[in-house]
Amino acid sequence: MTTAPSTAMSKAEYLALAEQKYTDLQALATQPTFYDYEKSFEAIWMELGRQVLERNVGSVPADRRKKKDDDALRSNSNSEQSGF
C-alpha cells in the first residue's frame, strides 16, 4: 500500500501543475462543438485532479474500487473459525 507524502502540496506546487494545463485549456477554443469542448475540458480537469490527489495522498491504485492492501485482509480465515 502506498503511504501518504510527509507534506501536503504547497500553493506553488499546485499552481505549477495548473499552469501546465493552461495551454490545453486555451486550446479548447478551437473545438468545433460545445460537446467536444466540454469533453476535452472534463478530461483536462480530471487529469489535473488526479495529479493533485496523487501528490496529496499518494498514487492511485489501478483498480479504483480496491481500497485495501491484500495483506490487510482478516487474519482469521473461514477454515480457522470453529463451528463451520
C-alpha atoms as a PDB file:
ATOM      1  CA  MET A   1       0.000   0.000   0.000  1.00  0.00           C
ATOM      2  CA  THR A   2       1.292   3.480  -0.800  1.00  0.00           C
ATOM      3  CA  THR A   3       1.897   5.831   2.081  1.00  0.00           C
ATOM      4  CA  ALA A   4       0.967   9.494   2.045  1.00  0.00           C
ATOM      5  CA  PRO A   5       3.735  12.000   1.474  1.00  0.00           C
ATOM      6  CA  SER A   6       5.114  13.724   4.565  1.00  0.00           C
ATOM      7  CA  THR A   7       3.884  17.161   3.495  1.00  0.00           C
ATOM      8  CA  ALA A   8       0.808  18.387   1.688  1.00  0.00           C
ATOM      9  CA  MET A   9       1.072  20.075  -1.665  1.00  0.00           C
ATOM     10  CA  SER A  10       2.135  23.699  -1.446  1.00  0.00           C
ATOM     11  CA  LYS A  11       0.357  26.514  -3.252  1.00  0.00           C
ATOM     12  CA  ALA A  12       3.374  26.902  -5.550  1.00  0.00           C
ATOM     13  CA  GLU A  13       3.275  23.191  -6.471  1.00  0.00           C
ATOM     14  CA  TYR A  14      -0.453  23.375  -7.232  1.00  0.00           C
ATOM     15  CA  LEU A  15      -0.010  26.497  -9.354  1.00  0.00           C
ATOM     16  CA  ALA A  16       2.810  24.803 -11.273  1.00  0.00           C
ATOM     17  CA  LEU A  17       0.538  21.837 -12.082  1.00  0.00           C
ATOM     18  CA  ALA A  18      -2.328  24.149 -13.074  1.00  0.00           C
ATOM     19  CA  GLU A  19      -0.005  26.216 -15.257  1.00  0.00           C
ATOM     20  CA  GLN A  20       0.928  23.062 -17.183  1.00  0.00           C
ATOM     21  CA  LYS A  21      -2.762  22.668 -18.115  1.00  0.00           C
ATOM     22  CA  TYR A  22      -3.282  26.334 -19.051  1.00  0.00           C
ATOM     23  CA  THR A  23      -2.190  25.867 -22.674  1.00  0.00           C
ATOM     24  CA  ASP A  24      -4.522  22.885 -23.010  1.00  0.00           C
ATOM     25  CA  LEU A  25      -7.408  24.950 -21.636  1.00  0.00           C
ATOM     26  CA  GLN A  26      -6.679  27.791 -24.056  1.00  0.00           C
ATOM     27  CA  ALA A  27      -6.611  25.340 -26.962  1.00  0.00           C
ATOM     28  CA  LEU A  28     -10.227  24.375 -26.204  1.00  0.00           C
ATOM     29  CA  ALA A  29     -11.375  27.488 -28.075  1.00  0.00           C
ATOM     30  CA  THR A  30     -10.642  25.639 -31.332  1.00  0.00           C
ATOM     31  CA  GLN A  31     -13.122  22.846 -30.576  1.00  0.00           C
ATOM     32  CA  PRO A  32     -15.835  22.746 -33.263  1.00  0.00           C
ATOM     33  CA  THR A  33     -18.782  21.978 -30.954  1.00  0.00           C
ATOM     34  CA  PHE A  34     -19.701  22.608 -27.359  1.00  0.00           C
ATOM     35  CA  TYR A  35     -19.831  18.847 -26.804  1.00  0.00           C
ATOM     36  CA  ASP A  36     -16.204  18.483 -27.929  1.00  0.00           C
ATOM     37  CA  TYR A  37     -15.234  21.479 -25.781  1.00  0.00           C
ATOM     38  CA  GLU A  38     -16.959  20.007 -22.726  1.00  0.00           C
ATOM     39  CA  LYS A  39     -15.498  16.532 -23.264  1.00  0.00           C
ATOM     40  CA  SER A  40     -11.953  17.896 -23.591  1.00  0.00           C
ATOM     41  CA  PHE A  41     -12.445  20.288 -20.660  1.00  0.00           C
ATOM     42  CA  GLU A  42     -13.531  17.424 -18.424  1.00  0.00           C
ATOM     43  CA  ALA A  43     -10.532  15.304 -19.450  1.00  0.00           C
ATOM     44  CA  ILE A  44      -8.116  18.146 -18.628  1.00  0.00           C
ATOM     45  CA  TRP A  45      -9.657  18.748 -15.205  1.00  0.00           C
ATOM     46  CA  MET A  46      -9.832  15.035 -14.385  1.00  0.00           C
ATOM     47  CA  GLU A  47      -6.105  14.726 -15.149  1.00  0.00           C
ATOM     48  CA  LEU A  48      -5.277  17.787 -13.043  1.00  0.00           C
ATOM     49  CA  GLY A  49      -7.423  16.436 -10.213  1.00  0.00           C
ATOM     50  CA  ARG A  50      -5.676  13.059 -10.387  1.00  0.00           C
ATOM     51  CA  GLN A  51      -2.274  14.730 -10.224  1.00  0.00           C
ATOM     52  CA  VAL A  52      -3.287  16.849  -7.215  1.00  0.00           C
ATOM     53  CA  LEU A  53      -4.799  13.830  -5.448  1.00  0.00           C
ATOM     54  CA  GLU A  54      -1.719  11.682  -6.045  1.00  0.00           C
ATOM     55  CA  ARG A  55       0.549  14.451  -4.784  1.00  0.00           C
ATOM     56  CA  ASN A  56      -1.505  14.853  -1.594  1.00  0.00           C
ATOM     57  CA  VAL A  57      -2.372  11.251  -0.728  1.00  0.00           C
ATOM     58  CA  GLY A  58      -0.095   9.045  -2.839  1.00  0.00           C
ATOM     59  CA  SER A  59      -0.544   7.157  -6.072  1.00  0.00           C
ATOM     60  CA  VAL A  60      -3.988   5.956  -7.076  1.00  0.00           C
ATOM     61  CA  PRO A  61      -4.349   2.157  -7.469  1.00  0.00           C
ATOM     62  CA  ALA A  62      -5.041   0.736 -10.927  1.00  0.00           C
ATOM     63  CA  ASP A  63      -8.382  -0.661  -9.718  1.00  0.00           C
ATOM     64  CA  ARG A  64     -10.383   2.327  -8.472  1.00  0.00           C
ATOM     65  CA  ARG A  65     -12.581   0.002  -6.392  1.00  0.00           C
ATOM     66  CA  LYS A  66      -9.685  -1.506  -4.457  1.00  0.00           C
ATOM     67  CA  LYS A  67      -9.283   0.319  -1.177  1.00  0.00           C
ATOM     68  CA  LYS A  68      -7.231  -2.096   0.913  1.00  0.00           C
ATOM     69  CA  ASP A  69      -3.935  -3.887   0.594  1.00  0.00           C
ATOM     70  CA  ASP A  70      -4.138  -7.676   0.081  1.00  0.00           C
ATOM     71  CA  ASP A  71      -2.040  -8.198   3.219  1.00  0.00           C
ATOM     72  CA  ALA A  72      -4.562  -6.276   5.297  1.00  0.00           C
ATOM     73  CA  LEU A  73      -7.249  -8.963   4.992  1.00  0.00           C
ATOM     74  CA  ARG A  74      -8.648 -10.505   8.144  1.00  0.00           C
ATOM     75  CA  SER A  75      -6.159 -12.719   9.882  1.00  0.00           C
ATOM     76  CA  ASN A  76      -8.789 -15.425  10.562  1.00  0.00           C
ATOM     77  CA  SER A  77      -9.873 -17.357   7.519  1.00  0.00           C
ATOM     78  CA  ASN A  78     -13.095 -19.407   7.350  1.00  0.00           C
ATOM     79  CA  SER A  79     -11.154 -22.640   7.812  1.00  0.00           C
ATOM     80  CA  GLU A  80      -9.732 -21.411  11.149  1.00  0.00           C
ATOM     81  CA  GLN A  81     -13.101 -20.454  12.635  1.00  0.00           C
ATOM     82  CA  SER A  82     -14.635 -23.027  14.931  1.00  0.00           C
ATOM     83  CA  GLY A  83     -18.060 -24.497  14.306  1.00  0.00           C
ATOM     84  CA  PHE A  84     -18.030 -24.277  10.497  1.00  0.00           C
END
